[in-house]
Amino acid sequence: MGLNDAVVIKGQVRDAKTGSPVAKAHVYLIKGEIEQFSDSSGRFEICITDAATGLWIEHPKYKTAQEVLSSAQSIVFIDLHKK
């Protein structure tokens, strides 16, 4: 998969217990190439160029989570657990 084969994955960060959206979660690729924060609805979009890419999600009130994204995915839900 090359740069021309980039895939946009849409996601939402949620509280694992309540299912409520988590705003301002730091979402970034392990490689550090792309980073952003989830919006007030917990939503984010990230572009990947590898067949499988590691994604980190951090928020001060939650435990850090890691998710492996696949280019076959188009939507992903990340459930965070409180510290």
PDB file of N, CA and C in Angstrom:
ATOM      1  N   MET A   1       0.847  -1.171   0.000  1.00  0.00           N
ATOM      2  CA  MET A   1       0.000   0.000   0.000  1.00  0.00           C
ATOM      3  C   MET A   1       0.892   1.234   0.000  1.00  0.00           C
ATOM      4  N   GLY A   2       0.738   2.123  -0.951  1.00  0.00           N
ATOM      5  CA  GLY A   2       1.564   3.309  -1.065  1.00  0.00           C
ATOM      6  C   GLY A   2       0.806   4.561  -0.693  1.00  0.00           C
ATOM      7  N   LEU A   3       1.448   5.719  -0.861  1.00  0.00           N
ATOM      8  CA  LEU A   3       0.817   6.984  -0.518  1.00  0.00           C
ATOM      9  C   LEU A   3      -0.462   7.223  -1.298  1.00  0.00           C
ATOM     10  N   ASN A   4      -0.510   6.758  -2.533  1.00  0.00           N
ATOM     11  CA  ASN A   4      -1.710   6.942  -3.340  1.00  0.00           C
ATOM     12  C   ASN A   4      -2.846   6.037  -2.898  1.00  0.00           C
ATOM     13  N   ASP A   5      -2.532   5.066  -2.036  1.00  0.00           N
ATOM     14  CA  ASP A   5      -3.531   4.122  -1.562  1.00  0.00           C
ATOM     15  C   ASP A   5      -4.002   4.441  -0.153  1.00  0.00           C
ATOM     16  N   ALA A   6      -3.895   5.683   0.259  1.00  0.00           N
ATOM     17  CA  ALA A   6      -4.286   6.075   1.605  1.00  0.00           C
ATOM     18  C   ALA A   6      -5.784   5.825   1.818  1.00  0.00           C
ATOM     19  N   VAL A   7      -6.109   5.405   3.030  1.00  0.00           N
ATOM     20  CA  VAL A   7      -7.492   5.113   3.403  1.00  0.00           C
ATOM     21  C   VAL A   7      -7.855   5.993   4.587  1.00  0.00           C
ATOM     22  N   VAL A   8      -9.009   6.639   4.529  1.00  0.00           N
ATOM     23  CA  VAL A   8      -9.494   7.450   5.639  1.00  0.00           C
ATOM     24  C   VAL A   8     -10.375   6.570   6.516  1.00  0.00           C
ATOM     25  N   ILE A   9     -10.009   6.513   7.782  1.00  0.00           N
ATOM     26  CA  ILE A   9     -10.796   5.748   8.746  1.00  0.00           C
ATOM     27  C   ILE A   9     -11.478   6.735   9.680  1.00  0.00           C
ATOM     28  N   LYS A  10     -12.786   6.595   9.835  1.00  0.00           N
ATOM     29  CA  LYS A  10     -13.555   7.433  10.737  1.00  0.00           C
ATOM     30  C   LYS A  10     -13.759   6.649  12.028  1.00  0.00           C
ATOM     31  N   GLY A  11     -13.718   7.360  13.136  1.00  0.00           N
ATOM     32  CA  GLY A  11     -13.877   6.675  14.406  1.00  0.00           C
ATOM     33  C   GLY A  11     -14.542   7.526  15.446  1.00  0.00           C
ATOM     34  N   GLN A  12     -14.825   6.870  16.567  1.00  0.00           N
ATOM     35  CA  GLN A  12     -15.387   7.575  17.707  1.00  0.00           C
ATOM     36  C   GLN A  12     -14.758   7.006  18.968  1.00  0.00           C
ATOM     37  N   VAL A  13     -14.365   7.909  19.860  1.00  0.00           N
ATOM     38  CA  VAL A  13     -13.827   7.528  21.156  1.00  0.00           C
ATOM     39  C   VAL A  13     -14.970   7.606  22.162  1.00  0.00           C
ATOM     40  N   ARG A  14     -15.157   6.498  22.913  1.00  0.00           N
ATOM     41  CA  ARG A  14     -16.275   6.430  23.853  1.00  0.00           C
ATOM     42  C   ARG A  14     -15.803   5.972  25.227  1.00  0.00           C
ATOM     43  N   ASP A  15     -16.593   6.298  26.239  1.00  0.00           N
ATOM     44  CA  ASP A  15     -16.368   5.779  27.583  1.00  0.00           C
ATOM     45  C   ASP A  15     -16.818   4.319  27.576  1.00  0.00           C
ATOM     46  N   ALA A  16     -15.945   3.411  28.010  1.00  0.00           N
ATOM     47  CA  ALA A  16     -16.247   1.979  27.951  1.00  0.00           C
ATOM     48  C   ALA A  16     -17.449   1.596  28.813  1.00  0.00           C
ATOM     49  N   LYS A  17     -17.659   2.299  29.905  1.00  0.00           N
ATOM     50  CA  LYS A  17     -18.746   1.942  30.820  1.00  0.00           C
ATOM     51  C   LYS A  17     -20.088   2.531  30.394  1.00  0.00           C
ATOM     52  N   THR A  18     -20.076   3.798  29.983  1.00  0.00           N
ATOM     53  CA  THR A  18     -21.335   4.488  29.689  1.00  0.00           C
ATOM     54  C   THR A  18     -21.664   4.572  28.200  1.00  0.00           C
ATOM     55  N   GLY A  19     -20.645   4.431  27.353  1.00  0.00           N
ATOM     56  CA  GLY A  19     -20.851   4.593  25.914  1.00  0.00           C
ATOM     57  C   GLY A  19     -20.897   6.044  25.474  1.00  0.00           C
ATOM     58  N   SER A  20     -20.706   6.968  26.416  1.00  0.00           N
ATOM     59  CA  SER A  20     -20.724   8.399  26.100  1.00  0.00           C
ATOM     60  C   SER A  20     -19.482   8.781  25.303  1.00  0.00           C
ATOM     61  N   PRO A  21     -19.606   9.754  24.400  1.00  0.00           N
ATOM     62  CA  PRO A  21     -18.437  10.195  23.638  1.00  0.00           C
ATOM     63  C   PRO A  21     -17.395  10.849  24.533  1.00  0.00           C
ATOM     64  N   VAL A  22     -16.133  10.676  24.185  1.00  0.00           N
ATOM     65  CA  VAL A  22     -15.030  11.287  24.923  1.00  0.00           C
ATOM     66  C   VAL A  22     -14.419  12.363  24.030  1.00  0.00           C
ATOM     67  N   ALA A  23     -14.612  13.611  24.417  1.00  0.00           N
ATOM     68  CA  ALA A  23     -14.063  14.743  23.661  1.00  0.00           C
ATOM     69  C   ALA A  23     -12.609  14.976  24.049  1.00  0.00           C
ATOM     70  N   LYS A  24     -11.860  15.558  23.146  1.00  0.00           N
ATOM     71  CA  LYS A  24     -10.473  15.970  23.354  1.00  0.00           C
ATOM     72  C   LYS A  24      -9.537  14.818  23.675  1.00  0.00           C
ATOM     73  N   ALA A  25      -9.858  13.623  23.182  1.00  0.00           N
ATOM     74  CA  ALA A  25      -8.918  12.509  23.300  1.00  0.00           C
ATOM     75  C   ALA A  25      -7.833  12.710  22.247  1.00  0.00           C
ATOM     76  N   HIS A  26      -6.590  12.474  22.621  1.00  0.00           N
ATOM     77  CA  HIS A  26      -5.451  12.612  21.705  1.00  0.00           C
ATOM     78  C   HIS A  26      -5.341  11.320  20.918  1.00  0.00           C
ATOM     79  N   VAL A  27      -5.538  11.405  19.619  1.00  0.00           N
ATOM     80  CA  VAL A  27      -5.522  10.246  18.730  1.00  0.00           C
ATOM     81  C   VAL A  27      -4.342  10.400  17.788  1.00  0.00           C
ATOM     82  N   TYR A  28      -3.441   9.407  17.776  1.00  0.00           N
ATOM     83  CA  TYR A  28      -2.272   9.538  16.915  1.00  0.00           C
ATOM     84  C   TYR A  28      -1.734   8.180  16.495  1.00  0.00           C
ATOM     85  N   LEU A  29      -1.040   8.169  15.355  1.00  0.00           N
ATOM     86  CA  LEU A  29      -0.389   6.962  14.863  1.00  0.00           C
ATOM     87  C   LEU A  29       0.849   6.690  15.690  1.00  0.00           C
ATOM     88  N   ILE A  30       1.153   5.446  15.902  1.00  0.00           N
ATOM     89  CA  ILE A  30       2.342   5.079  16.667  1.00  0.00           C
ATOM     90  C   ILE A  30       3.582   5.712  16.053  1.00  0.00           C
ATOM     91  N   LYS A  31       3.637   5.769  14.747  1.00  0.00           N
ATOM     92  CA  LYS A  31       4.796   6.332  14.066  1.00  0.00           C
ATOM     93  C   LYS A  31       4.903   7.841  14.268  1.00  0.00           C
ATOM     94  N   GLY A  32       3.886   8.461  14.808  1.00  0.00           N
ATOM     95  CA  GLY A  32       3.901   9.896  15.070  1.00  0.00           C
ATOM     96  C   GLY A  32       3.688  10.747  13.836  1.00  0.00           C
ATOM     97  N   GLU A  33       3.216  10.146  12.766  1.00  0.00           N
ATOM     98  CA  GLU A  33       3.055  10.881  11.514  1.00  0.00           C
ATOM     99  C   GLU A  33       1.832  11.788  11.523  1.00  0.00           C
ATOM    100  N   ILE A  34       0.768  11.353  12.161  1.00  0.00           N
ATOM    101  CA  ILE A  34      -0.485  12.103  12.147  1.00  0.00           C
ATOM    102  C   ILE A  34      -1.059  12.097  13.557  1.00  0.00           C
ATOM    103  N   GLU A  35      -1.544  13.262  14.004  1.00  0.00           N
ATOM    104  CA  GLU A  35      -2.201  13.306  15.296  1.00  0.00           C
ATOM    105  C   GLU A  35      -3.327  14.323  15.262  1.00  0.00           C
ATOM    106  N   GLN A  36      -4.319  14.108  16.129  1.00  0.00           N
ATOM    107  CA  GLN A  36      -5.441  15.011  16.230  1.00  0.00           C
ATOM    108  C   GLN A  36      -6.155  14.759  17.540  1.00  0.00           C
ATOM    109  N   PHE A  37      -7.203  15.528  17.810  1.00  0.00           N
ATOM    110  CA  PHE A  37      -8.019  15.351  18.995  1.00  0.00           C
ATOM    111  C   PHE A  37      -9.440  15.047  18.564  1.00  0.00           C
ATOM    112  N   SER A  38     -10.119  14.198  19.330  1.00  0.00           N
ATOM    113  CA  SER A  38     -11.517  13.900  19.026  1.00  0.00           C
ATOM    114  C   SER A  38     -12.349  15.153  19.283  1.00  0.00           C
ATOM    115  N   ASP A  39     -13.438  15.292  18.521  1.00  0.00           N
ATOM    116  CA  ASP A  39     -14.299  16.464  18.675  1.00  0.00           C
ATOM    117  C   ASP A  39     -15.255  16.271  19.853  1.00  0.00           C
ATOM    118  N   SER A  40     -16.202  17.184  20.019  1.00  0.00           N
ATOM    119  CA  SER A  40     -17.134  17.126  21.154  1.00  0.00           C
ATOM    120  C   SER A  40     -18.024  15.887  21.134  1.00  0.00           C
ATOM    121  N   SER A  41     -18.136  15.242  19.985  1.00  0.00           N
ATOM    122  CA  SER A  41     -18.896  13.996  19.861  1.00  0.00           C
ATOM    123  C   SER A  41     -17.990  12.773  19.923  1.00  0.00           C
ATOM    124  N   GLY A  42     -16.709  12.996  20.245  1.00  0.00           N
ATOM    125  CA  GLY A  42     -15.756  11.890  20.324  1.00  0.00           C
ATOM    126  C   GLY A  42     -15.282  11.399  18.968  1.00  0.00           C
ATOM    127  N   ARG A  43     -15.664  12.072  17.892  1.00  0.00           N
ATOM    128  CA  ARG A  43     -15.343  11.614  16.538  1.00  0.00           C
ATOM    129  C   ARG A  43     -13.986  12.128  16.055  1.00  0.00           C
ATOM    130  N   PHE A  44     -13.386  11.307  15.191  1.00  0.00           N
ATOM    131  CA  PHE A  44     -12.121  11.680  14.569  1.00  0.00           C
ATOM    132  C   PHE A  44     -12.027  10.994  13.212  1.00  0.00           C
ATOM    133  N   GLU A  45     -11.146  11.498  12.362  1.00  0.00           N
ATOM    134  CA  GLU A  45     -10.812  10.879  11.084  1.00  0.00           C
ATOM    135  C   GLU A  45      -9.305  10.814  10.991  1.00  0.00           C
ATOM    136  N   ILE A  46      -8.792   9.689  10.528  1.00  0.00           N
ATOM    137  CA  ILE A  46      -7.346   9.546  10.396  1.00  0.00           C
ATOM    138  C   ILE A  46      -7.050   8.801   9.103  1.00  0.00           C
ATOM    139  N   CYS A  47      -6.012   9.215   8.438  1.00  0.00           N
ATOM    140  CA  CYS A  47      -5.640   8.645   7.148  1.00  0.00           C
ATOM    141  C   CYS A  47      -4.470   7.688   7.354  1.00  0.00           C
ATOM    142  N   ILE A  48      -4.614   6.443   6.892  1.00  0.00           N
ATOM    143  CA  ILE A  48      -3.516   5.483   7.011  1.00  0.00           C
ATOM    144  C   ILE A  48      -3.055   5.069   5.615  1.00  0.00           C
ATOM    145  N   THR A  49      -1.780   4.725   5.531  1.00  0.00           N
ATOM    146  CA  THR A  49      -1.225   4.322   4.241  1.00  0.00           C
ATOM    147  C   THR A  49      -0.659   2.902   4.278  1.00  0.00           C
ATOM    148  N   ASP A  50      -0.598   2.298   5.463  1.00  0.00           N
ATOM    149  CA  ASP A  50      -0.116   0.921   5.586  1.00  0.00           C
ATOM    150  C   ASP A  50      -1.298  -0.019   5.706  1.00  0.00           C
ATOM    151  N   ALA A  51      -1.094  -1.282   5.378  1.00  0.00           N
ATOM    152  CA  ALA A  51      -2.155  -2.279   5.476  1.00  0.00           C
ATOM    153  C   ALA A  51      -2.642  -2.411   6.917  1.00  0.00           C
ATOM    154  N   ALA A  52      -1.741  -2.292   7.877  1.00  0.00           N
ATOM    155  CA  ALA A  52      -2.098  -2.316   9.298  1.00  0.00           C
ATOM    156  C   ALA A  52      -1.259  -1.261  10.009  1.00  0.00           C
ATOM    157  N   THR A  53      -1.913  -0.417  10.765  1.00  0.00           N
ATOM    158  CA  THR A  53      -1.249   0.695  11.435  1.00  0.00           C
ATOM    159  C   THR A  53      -1.694   0.740  12.885  1.00  0.00           C
ATOM    160  N   GLY A  54      -0.741   0.978  13.786  1.00  0.00           N
ATOM    161  CA  GLY A  54      -1.073   1.109  15.203  1.00  0.00           C
ATOM    162  C   GLY A  54      -1.523   2.518  15.526  1.00  0.00           C
ATOM    163  N   LEU A  55      -2.564   2.630  16.332  1.00  0.00           N
ATOM    164  CA  LEU A  55      -3.128   3.913  16.725  1.00  0.00           C
ATOM    165  C   LEU A  55      -3.144   3.980  18.243  1.00  0.00           C
ATOM    166  N   TRP A  56      -2.716   5.108  18.801  1.00  0.00           N
ATOM    167  CA  TRP A  56      -2.754   5.338  20.237  1.00  0.00           C
ATOM    168  C   TRP A  56      -3.828   6.365  20.538  1.00  0.00           C
ATOM    169  N   ILE A  57      -4.502   6.177  21.678  1.00  0.00           N
ATOM    170  CA  ILE A  57      -5.532   7.109  22.112  1.00  0.00           C
ATOM    171  C   ILE A  57      -5.267   7.431  23.584  1.00  0.00           C
ATOM    172  N   GLU A  58      -5.112   8.717  23.900  1.00  0.00           N
ATOM    173  CA  GLU A  58      -4.823   9.144  25.265  1.00  0.00           C
ATOM    174  C   GLU A  58      -5.793  10.236  25.697  1.00  0.00           C
ATOM    175  N   HIS A  59      -6.118  10.208  26.971  1.00  0.00           N
ATOM    176  CA  HIS A  59      -6.941  11.246  27.589  1.00  0.00           C
ATOM    177  C   HIS A  59      -6.578  11.266  29.069  1.00  0.00           C
ATOM    178  N   PRO A  60      -6.480  12.446  29.688  1.00  0.00           N
ATOM    179  CA  PRO A  60      -6.044  12.526  31.089  1.00  0.00           C
ATOM    180  C   PRO A  60      -6.885  11.701  32.076  1.00  0.00           C
ATOM    181  N   LYS A  61      -8.162  11.514  31.799  1.00  0.00           N
ATOM    182  CA  LYS A  61      -9.046  10.802  32.734  1.00  0.00           C
ATOM    183  C   LYS A  61      -9.150   9.303  32.441  1.00  0.00           C
ATOM    184  N   TYR A  62      -8.517   8.857  31.338  1.00  0.00           N
ATOM    185  CA  TYR A  62      -8.668   7.461  30.912  1.00  0.00           C
ATOM    186  C   TYR A  62      -7.317   6.780  30.744  1.00  0.00           C
ATOM    187  N   LYS A  63      -7.345   5.463  30.793  1.00  0.00           N
ATOM    188  CA  LYS A  63      -6.149   4.678  30.509  1.00  0.00           C
ATOM    189  C   LYS A  63      -5.844   4.778  29.018  1.00  0.00           C
ATOM    190  N   THR A  64      -4.556   4.804  28.685  1.00  0.00           N
ATOM    191  CA  THR A  64      -4.149   4.857  27.283  1.00  0.00           C
ATOM    192  C   THR A  64      -4.577   3.567  26.585  1.00  0.00           C
ATOM    193  N   ALA A  65      -5.072   3.711  25.376  1.00  0.00           N
ATOM    194  CA  ALA A  65      -5.513   2.552  24.595  1.00  0.00           C
ATOM    195  C   ALA A  65      -4.718   2.490  23.295  1.00  0.00           C
ATOM    196  N   GLN A  66      -4.598   1.288  22.778  1.00  0.00           N
ATOM    197  CA  GLN A  66      -3.941   1.082  21.488  1.00  0.00           C
ATOM    198  C   GLN A  66      -4.859   0.224  20.633  1.00  0.00           C
ATOM    199  N   GLU A  67      -4.977   0.588  19.375  1.00  0.00           N
ATOM    200  CA  GLU A  67      -5.832  -0.129  18.434  1.00  0.00           C
ATOM    201  C   GLU A  67      -5.045  -0.339  17.148  1.00  0.00           C
ATOM    202  N   VAL A  68      -5.124  -1.524  16.587  1.00  0.00           N
ATOM    203  CA  VAL A  68      -4.498  -1.772  15.291  1.00  0.00           C
ATOM    204  C   VAL A  68      -5.563  -1.559  14.232  1.00  0.00           C
ATOM    205  N   LEU A  69      -5.303  -0.611  13.336  1.00  0.00           N
ATOM    206  CA  LEU A  69      -6.234  -0.300  12.258  1.00  0.00           C
ATOM    207  C   LEU A  69      -5.834  -1.047  11.001  1.00  0.00           C
ATOM    208  N   SER A  70      -6.807  -1.448  10.263  1.00  0.00           N
ATOM    209  CA  SER A  70      -6.575  -2.137   9.000  1.00  0.00           C
ATOM    210  C   SER A  70      -7.176  -1.312   7.868  1.00  0.00           C
ATOM    211  N   SER A  71      -6.538  -1.351   6.720  1.00  0.00           N
ATOM    212  CA  SER A  71      -7.066  -0.606   5.572  1.00  0.00           C
ATOM    213  C   SER A  71      -8.420  -1.156   5.128  1.00  0.00           C
ATOM    214  N   ALA A  72      -8.791  -2.326   5.612  1.00  0.00           N
ATOM    215  CA  ALA A  72     -10.094  -2.907   5.276  1.00  0.00           C
ATOM    216  C   ALA A  72     -11.205  -2.295   6.123  1.00  0.00           C
ATOM    217  N   GLN A  73     -10.837  -1.585   7.206  1.00  0.00           N
ATOM    218  CA  GLN A  73     -11.820  -0.943   8.071  1.00  0.00           C
ATOM    219  C   GLN A  73     -12.193   0.430   7.512  1.00  0.00           C
ATOM    220  N   SER A  74     -13.409   0.868   7.789  1.00  0.00           N
ATOM    221  CA  SER A  74     -13.777   2.232   7.433  1.00  0.00           C
ATOM    222  C   SER A  74     -14.278   2.989   8.657  1.00  0.00           C
ATOM    223  N   ILE A  75     -14.747   2.252   9.666  1.00  0.00           N
ATOM    224  CA  ILE A  75     -15.234   2.859  10.899  1.00  0.00           C
ATOM    225  C   ILE A  75     -14.699   2.055  12.078  1.00  0.00           C
ATOM    226  N   VAL A  76     -14.266   2.760  13.123  1.00  0.00           N
ATOM    227  CA  VAL A  76     -13.747   2.089  14.311  1.00  0.00           C
ATOM    228  C   VAL A  76     -14.273   2.813  15.555  1.00  0.00           C
ATOM    229  N   PHE A  77     -14.607   2.040  16.574  1.00  0.00           N
ATOM    230  CA  PHE A  77     -15.041   2.584  17.850  1.00  0.00           C
ATOM    231  C   PHE A  77     -13.982   2.213  18.882  1.00  0.00           C
ATOM    232  N   ILE A  78     -13.511   3.228  19.618  1.00  0.00           N
ATOM    233  CA  ILE A  78     -12.490   3.037  20.642  1.00  0.00           C
ATOM    234  C   ILE A  78     -13.150   3.256  21.994  1.00  0.00           C
ATOM    235  N   ASP A  79     -13.167   2.240  22.834  1.00  0.00           N
ATOM    236  CA  ASP A  79     -13.743   2.358  24.167  1.00  0.00           C
ATOM    237  C   ASP A  79     -12.629   2.502  25.190  1.00  0.00           C
ATOM    238  N   LEU A  80     -12.635   3.639  25.908  1.00  0.00           N
ATOM    239  CA  LEU A  80     -11.630   3.924  26.918  1.00  0.00           C
ATOM    240  C   LEU A  80     -12.150   3.596  28.308  1.00  0.00           C
ATOM    241  N   HIS A  81     -11.252   3.105  29.152  1.00  0.00           N
ATOM    242  CA  HIS A  81     -11.583   2.779  30.539  1.00  0.00           C
ATOM    243  C   HIS A  81     -11.015   3.851  31.456  1.00  0.00           C
ATOM    244  N   LYS A  82     -11.809   4.295  32.423  1.00  0.00           N
ATOM    245  CA  LYS A  82     -11.345   5.328  33.359  1.00  0.00           C
ATOM    246  C   LYS A  82     -10.165   4.811  34.168  1.00  0.00           C
ATOM    247  N   LYS A  83      -9.320   5.759  34.572  1.00  0.00           N
ATOM    248  CA  LYS A  83      -8.146   5.430  35.406  1.00  0.00           C
ATOM    249  C   LYS A  83      -8.591   5.060  36.798  1.00  0.00           C
TER     250      LYS A  83
END
